[in-house]
Every structure is written in C-alpha cells, then in structure tokens.
Amino acid sequence: MEKDKSHILIVDDDDRIRELIKQYLNDNKFIVSTADNAKKAKELIDQFSFDLAVFDVMMPGQDGFELTKEIKKKLNLPVVLLTAKGESENRIKGLELGADDYLGKPFEPRELLLRIKNILSKSKTVDVKRVNFIGKAKVNLNKMSIELNNKVTKINNVEKKVLLEMLSSPGKTFSRLQIGKISGISQERSIDVMITRLRQKLEIDPKNPKYLQTIRGSGYVLWIE
C-alpha cells in the first residue's frame, strides 16, 4: 500500500454503485478495496488495515447494521452507512450501533467524499497526549478507549465527540439539545441511551453515577476529581 494514502473499504451488493464509488475515490487519491457482502468484507478486514469503511445497509445475508455492530466490537474503524431508507429512525439506529456517519441513497459521490475526509481529518487531529482520568477510568481519546478495573472498552466517534466537549468544560451542564448538536443525534431517547452506555464504560457503579451525572430538568454534567 502507498504511504500517506488512506485505505477505504466499500461494501455494497450493487455492482454499479460499488464501482462508481471506487473510481471516484481512486480519482481523489484514496486506496480502495471492495466487497459485495459482509462475509467478504470481514475477510478483507482480517487481511488489511483500513482507515474507514463504507457499508450499505440493505445487503443480502448480514446487513450493514449487523456488520457495523460486529466490527465495532473488535476494531476502532470509522464506518459510514449507506441506505435507500432515509428515515431518522434508521439513521439513529446506525449511530447507536457505532456508525460515524450516515448517507441516504441516492447521493452525490462528492458528498460521500466530503464526509469521509471530515471523519478522517477529525481522527488525525486528536491530540495524542489527550489522556484523561475520570475517577479511576482512563480515557484515551486518541485510541478511543476507556480503561477501568483492567478492562478496556472502545468508544465510537459519537461518544468521543461528547466526551471531548464535556472534558473541555468539566462541571458544565449540557442540555440534551446541546448534546444532540454535538453528537448529531436528534431524539432525546437516543441521547439518553448513549449517556447510559458511556456510564457503563466510565463508572464503577453505572446505576449510581459519580462522575457523569444527570441534572434533572437540565441535562448532563461531567465531574472530574
């Protein structure tokens, strides 16, 4: 693989779309590998190191949602989901499963390119020295991981965005609206689910949080000792 070029994995069962994206990204100096189903995609992921993956949601066999969930448990791999379904519920589901962005079909290749560049630029600009302790939890934003009681769990790009803002302003109450703007999540229920998952990774007793607390009627606050 050529140095300094990002390697992108495209997974879509539509030959035309797959080749269109590949050609467009190649023309824009990306290295691209493709697969037409989840099984082949996982074989490629085992063989190569990818910087980002684009998964079609509606695929025969294992769909894009299921593939995202499985991959995110193993790797810190940014994922963009493509789907013909543009409903907000599907978008929220993808984000809850760990997807970093979501693009509905039909779309302009340039829009996908811009979203890919945006995700990659953010991952590259994270301060590698940005290691924080929230109580006994060690938060490494560069590695996108949290270590607590000798157990390491991964965080996704959405969780990282929220943590970065909260760590920058400890003691500040963030409303659900503010968290929604930071995370790109619009539904309050989905924001609450994300906070609950963060607590499970940060808190010794998630049901009685000491650091990531709820301010009734206002939102959430992060305390750092």
Protein backbone atom coordinates (compact mmCIF):
# COMPACT_ATOMS: atom_id res chain seq x y z
CA MET A 1 0.00 0.00 0.00
CA GLU A 2 1.17 3.53 -0.78
CA LYS A 3 2.20 5.58 2.21
CA ASP A 4 0.12 8.61 3.23
CA LYS A 5 -2.91 7.35 1.29
CA SER A 6 -5.96 6.32 3.24
CA HIS A 7 -7.30 2.84 2.56
CA ILE A 8 -11.11 2.69 2.26
CA LEU A 9 -13.31 -0.42 2.24
CA ILE A 10 -16.54 -0.24 0.22
CA VAL A 11 -19.19 -2.92 0.89
CA ASP A 12 -22.27 -2.85 -1.34
CA ASP A 13 -24.09 -5.58 -3.27
CA ASP A 14 -24.88 -3.15 -6.11
CA ASP A 15 -22.03 -3.55 -8.62
CA ARG A 16 -22.69 -0.19 -10.25
CA ILE A 17 -22.64 1.81 -7.05
CA ARG A 18 -19.64 -0.08 -5.70
CA GLU A 19 -17.56 0.59 -8.80
CA LEU A 20 -18.72 4.19 -9.05
CA ILE A 21 -17.57 4.92 -5.50
CA LYS A 22 -14.31 3.06 -6.04
CA GLN A 23 -13.47 5.00 -9.20
CA TYR A 24 -14.36 8.34 -7.63
CA LEU A 25 -12.27 7.71 -4.52
CA ASN A 26 -9.37 6.40 -6.61
CA ASP A 27 -9.50 9.63 -8.62
CA ASN A 28 -9.26 11.51 -5.33
CA LYS A 29 -6.10 9.71 -4.20
CA PHE A 30 -7.61 7.02 -1.97
CA ILE A 31 -6.75 3.34 -1.99
CA VAL A 32 -9.98 1.36 -2.28
CA SER A 33 -10.91 -2.28 -1.69
CA THR A 34 -14.41 -3.57 -2.33
CA ALA A 35 -16.70 -6.43 -1.30
CA ASP A 36 -20.26 -7.30 -2.31
CA ASN A 37 -21.28 -8.86 1.00
CA ALA A 38 -20.42 -8.88 4.71
CA LYS A 39 -18.59 -12.22 4.60
CA LYS A 40 -16.09 -10.99 2.00
CA ALA A 41 -15.78 -7.69 3.85
CA LYS A 42 -14.73 -9.45 7.05
CA GLU A 43 -12.17 -11.50 5.15
CA LEU A 44 -10.64 -8.26 3.81
CA ILE A 45 -10.69 -6.65 7.25
CA ASP A 46 -8.71 -9.62 8.58
CA GLN A 47 -6.13 -9.17 5.81
CA PHE A 48 -5.71 -5.40 5.59
CA SER A 49 -5.65 -2.32 7.80
CA PHE A 50 -8.38 0.10 6.73
CA ASP A 51 -8.75 3.75 7.66
CA LEU A 52 -12.51 3.84 7.06
CA ALA A 53 -15.31 1.60 5.79
CA VAL A 54 -18.50 2.36 3.86
CA PHE A 55 -21.26 -0.22 4.40
CA ASP A 56 -24.53 -0.47 2.50
CA VAL A 57 -27.33 -1.19 4.98
CA MET A 58 -29.56 -3.27 2.70
CA MET A 59 -27.46 -6.30 1.77
CA PRO A 60 -28.40 -9.98 1.50
CA GLY A 61 -27.21 -12.06 4.41
CA GLN A 62 -25.71 -9.94 7.17
CA ASP A 63 -26.87 -6.35 6.67
CA GLY A 64 -24.92 -3.15 7.25
CA PHE A 65 -26.31 -2.62 10.75
CA GLU A 66 -25.27 -6.09 11.89
CA LEU A 67 -21.86 -5.77 10.22
CA THR A 68 -21.25 -2.41 11.90
CA LYS A 69 -22.14 -3.81 15.30
CA GLU A 70 -19.83 -6.80 14.87
CA ILE A 71 -16.88 -4.80 13.53
CA LYS A 72 -17.13 -2.05 16.16
CA LYS A 73 -16.80 -4.65 18.93
CA LYS A 74 -13.39 -5.62 17.56
CA LEU A 75 -11.92 -2.56 15.86
CA ASN A 76 -11.82 1.20 16.12
CA LEU A 77 -12.76 1.51 12.43
CA PRO A 78 -14.77 4.56 11.33
CA VAL A 79 -17.93 3.49 9.45
CA VAL A 80 -20.22 5.39 7.08
CA LEU A 81 -23.58 3.72 6.38
CA LEU A 82 -25.38 3.96 3.04
CA THR A 83 -29.05 3.17 2.67
CA ALA A 84 -32.06 3.79 0.48
CA LYS A 85 -34.04 4.34 3.66
CA GLY A 86 -33.76 7.95 4.78
CA GLU A 87 -35.98 7.77 7.86
CA SER A 88 -34.48 9.29 11.02
CA GLU A 89 -35.09 6.06 12.97
CA ASN A 90 -32.71 4.16 10.69
CA ARG A 91 -30.13 6.91 11.00
CA ILE A 92 -30.39 6.83 14.79
CA LYS A 93 -30.12 3.04 14.81
CA GLY A 94 -26.91 3.21 12.80
CA LEU A 95 -25.39 5.80 15.14
CA GLU A 96 -26.39 3.82 18.21
CA LEU A 97 -24.61 0.78 16.78
CA GLY A 98 -21.42 2.83 16.41
CA ALA A 99 -21.57 4.23 12.87
CA ASP A 100 -19.71 7.51 12.49
CA ASP A 101 -21.90 8.96 9.75
CA TYR A 102 -24.90 8.13 7.61
CA LEU A 103 -25.76 8.94 3.99
CA GLY A 104 -29.05 8.16 2.26
CA LYS A 105 -29.32 6.97 -1.32
CA PRO A 106 -29.30 8.42 -3.87
CA PHE A 107 -26.30 10.61 -3.09
CA GLU A 108 -23.61 12.59 -4.86
CA PRO A 109 -20.18 10.93 -4.74
CA ARG A 110 -18.71 14.29 -3.77
CA GLU A 111 -20.87 14.38 -0.64
CA LEU A 112 -19.59 10.96 0.39
CA LEU A 113 -16.04 12.14 -0.29
CA LEU A 114 -16.52 15.18 1.94
CA ARG A 115 -17.95 13.08 4.75
CA ILE A 116 -15.04 10.64 4.51
CA LYS A 117 -12.49 13.47 4.56
CA ASN A 118 -14.26 15.04 7.54
CA ILE A 119 -14.13 11.85 9.60
CA LEU A 120 -10.50 11.14 8.70
CA SER A 121 -9.39 14.69 9.44
CA LYS A 122 -11.01 14.60 12.88
CA SER A 123 -9.38 11.29 13.74
CA LYS A 124 -5.98 12.65 12.70
CA THR A 125 -6.25 15.93 14.62
CA VAL A 126 -6.97 14.39 18.01
CA ASP A 127 -4.23 15.33 20.47
CA VAL A 128 -2.24 12.14 21.06
CA LYS A 129 -1.40 13.40 24.55
CA ARG A 130 -5.05 13.74 25.42
CA VAL A 131 -5.29 11.07 28.10
CA ASN A 132 -7.69 11.94 30.91
CA PHE A 133 -8.77 10.31 34.14
CA ILE A 134 -12.41 10.40 35.16
CA GLY A 135 -12.23 8.89 38.60
CA LYS A 136 -10.48 5.57 38.08
CA ALA A 137 -11.38 5.42 34.40
CA LYS A 138 -8.52 6.19 31.99
CA VAL A 139 -9.91 7.87 28.87
CA ASN A 140 -7.67 7.82 25.80
CA LEU A 141 -9.31 9.89 23.07
CA ASN A 142 -6.59 9.10 20.56
CA LYS A 143 -7.05 5.35 20.92
CA MET A 144 -10.78 5.87 21.50
CA SER A 145 -10.76 3.64 24.54
CA ILE A 146 -11.65 3.67 28.24
CA GLU A 147 -9.81 1.51 30.76
CA LEU A 148 -11.47 0.75 34.08
CA ASN A 149 -10.59 -2.02 36.52
CA ASN A 150 -8.14 -3.56 34.00
CA LYS A 151 -10.90 -3.79 31.38
CA VAL A 152 -10.58 -1.82 28.16
CA THR A 153 -13.69 -0.85 26.18
CA LYS A 154 -13.90 1.05 22.91
CA ILE A 155 -15.83 4.26 22.34
CA ASN A 156 -17.26 5.27 18.97
CA ASN A 157 -16.86 8.60 17.21
CA VAL A 158 -20.15 9.95 18.58
CA GLU A 159 -19.17 9.12 22.17
CA LYS A 160 -15.74 10.66 21.60
CA LYS A 161 -17.27 13.94 20.42
CA VAL A 162 -19.43 14.18 23.53
CA LEU A 163 -16.59 13.26 25.89
CA LEU A 164 -14.26 15.76 24.24
CA GLU A 165 -16.72 18.60 24.80
CA MET A 166 -17.51 17.56 28.37
CA LEU A 167 -13.85 17.07 29.27
CA SER A 168 -13.15 20.56 27.94
CA SER A 169 -15.79 22.01 30.29
CA PRO A 170 -15.97 19.90 33.48
CA GLY A 171 -18.81 20.94 35.76
CA LYS A 172 -20.79 22.48 32.89
CA THR A 173 -24.32 21.23 32.40
CA PHE A 174 -25.03 20.18 28.82
CA SER A 175 -28.67 20.11 27.78
CA ARG A 176 -29.97 17.30 25.60
CA LEU A 177 -30.27 19.83 22.78
CA GLN A 178 -26.58 20.71 23.10
CA ILE A 179 -25.56 17.06 23.25
CA GLY A 180 -27.74 16.41 20.23
CA LYS A 181 -25.91 19.09 18.25
CA ILE A 182 -22.51 17.74 19.32
CA SER A 183 -23.37 14.12 18.57
CA GLY A 184 -25.68 14.54 15.58
CA ILE A 185 -28.41 12.62 17.45
CA SER A 186 -31.83 14.27 17.41
CA GLN A 187 -34.03 12.04 19.57
CA GLU A 188 -33.85 12.51 23.35
CA ARG A 189 -34.30 8.79 23.95
CA SER A 190 -31.26 8.01 21.82
CA ILE A 191 -29.20 10.63 23.67
CA ASP A 192 -30.16 9.01 26.98
CA VAL A 193 -29.15 5.59 25.61
CA MET A 194 -25.75 6.95 24.59
CA ILE A 195 -25.16 8.51 28.02
CA THR A 196 -26.15 5.22 29.68
CA ARG A 197 -23.58 3.37 27.56
CA LEU A 198 -20.89 5.90 28.44
CA ARG A 199 -21.67 5.43 32.13
CA GLN A 200 -21.25 1.69 31.75
CA LYS A 201 -17.73 2.35 30.46
CA LEU A 202 -16.81 5.16 32.89
CA GLU A 203 -18.48 4.39 36.20
CA ILE A 204 -17.75 1.68 38.76
CA ASP A 205 -21.46 1.77 39.62
CA PRO A 206 -23.27 2.95 36.44
CA LYS A 207 -26.69 2.93 38.11
CA ASN A 208 -25.39 5.37 40.73
CA PRO A 209 -23.03 7.53 38.67
CA LYS A 210 -20.47 9.64 40.48
CA TYR A 211 -18.99 11.49 37.53
CA LEU A 212 -21.39 11.54 34.56
CA GLN A 213 -24.49 12.76 36.34
CA THR A 214 -28.00 13.76 35.39
CA ILE A 215 -29.14 17.26 36.30
CA ARG A 216 -32.89 16.84 36.48
CA GLY A 217 -34.70 19.10 34.06
CA SER A 218 -31.46 20.45 32.64
CA GLY A 219 -29.31 17.71 31.12
CA TYR A 220 -25.99 16.09 31.99
CA VAL A 221 -22.76 17.14 33.65
CA LEU A 222 -19.31 15.57 33.89
CA TRP A 223 -17.35 15.96 37.11
CA ILE A 224 -13.60 15.35 37.31
CA GLU A 225 -11.77 14.94 40.62
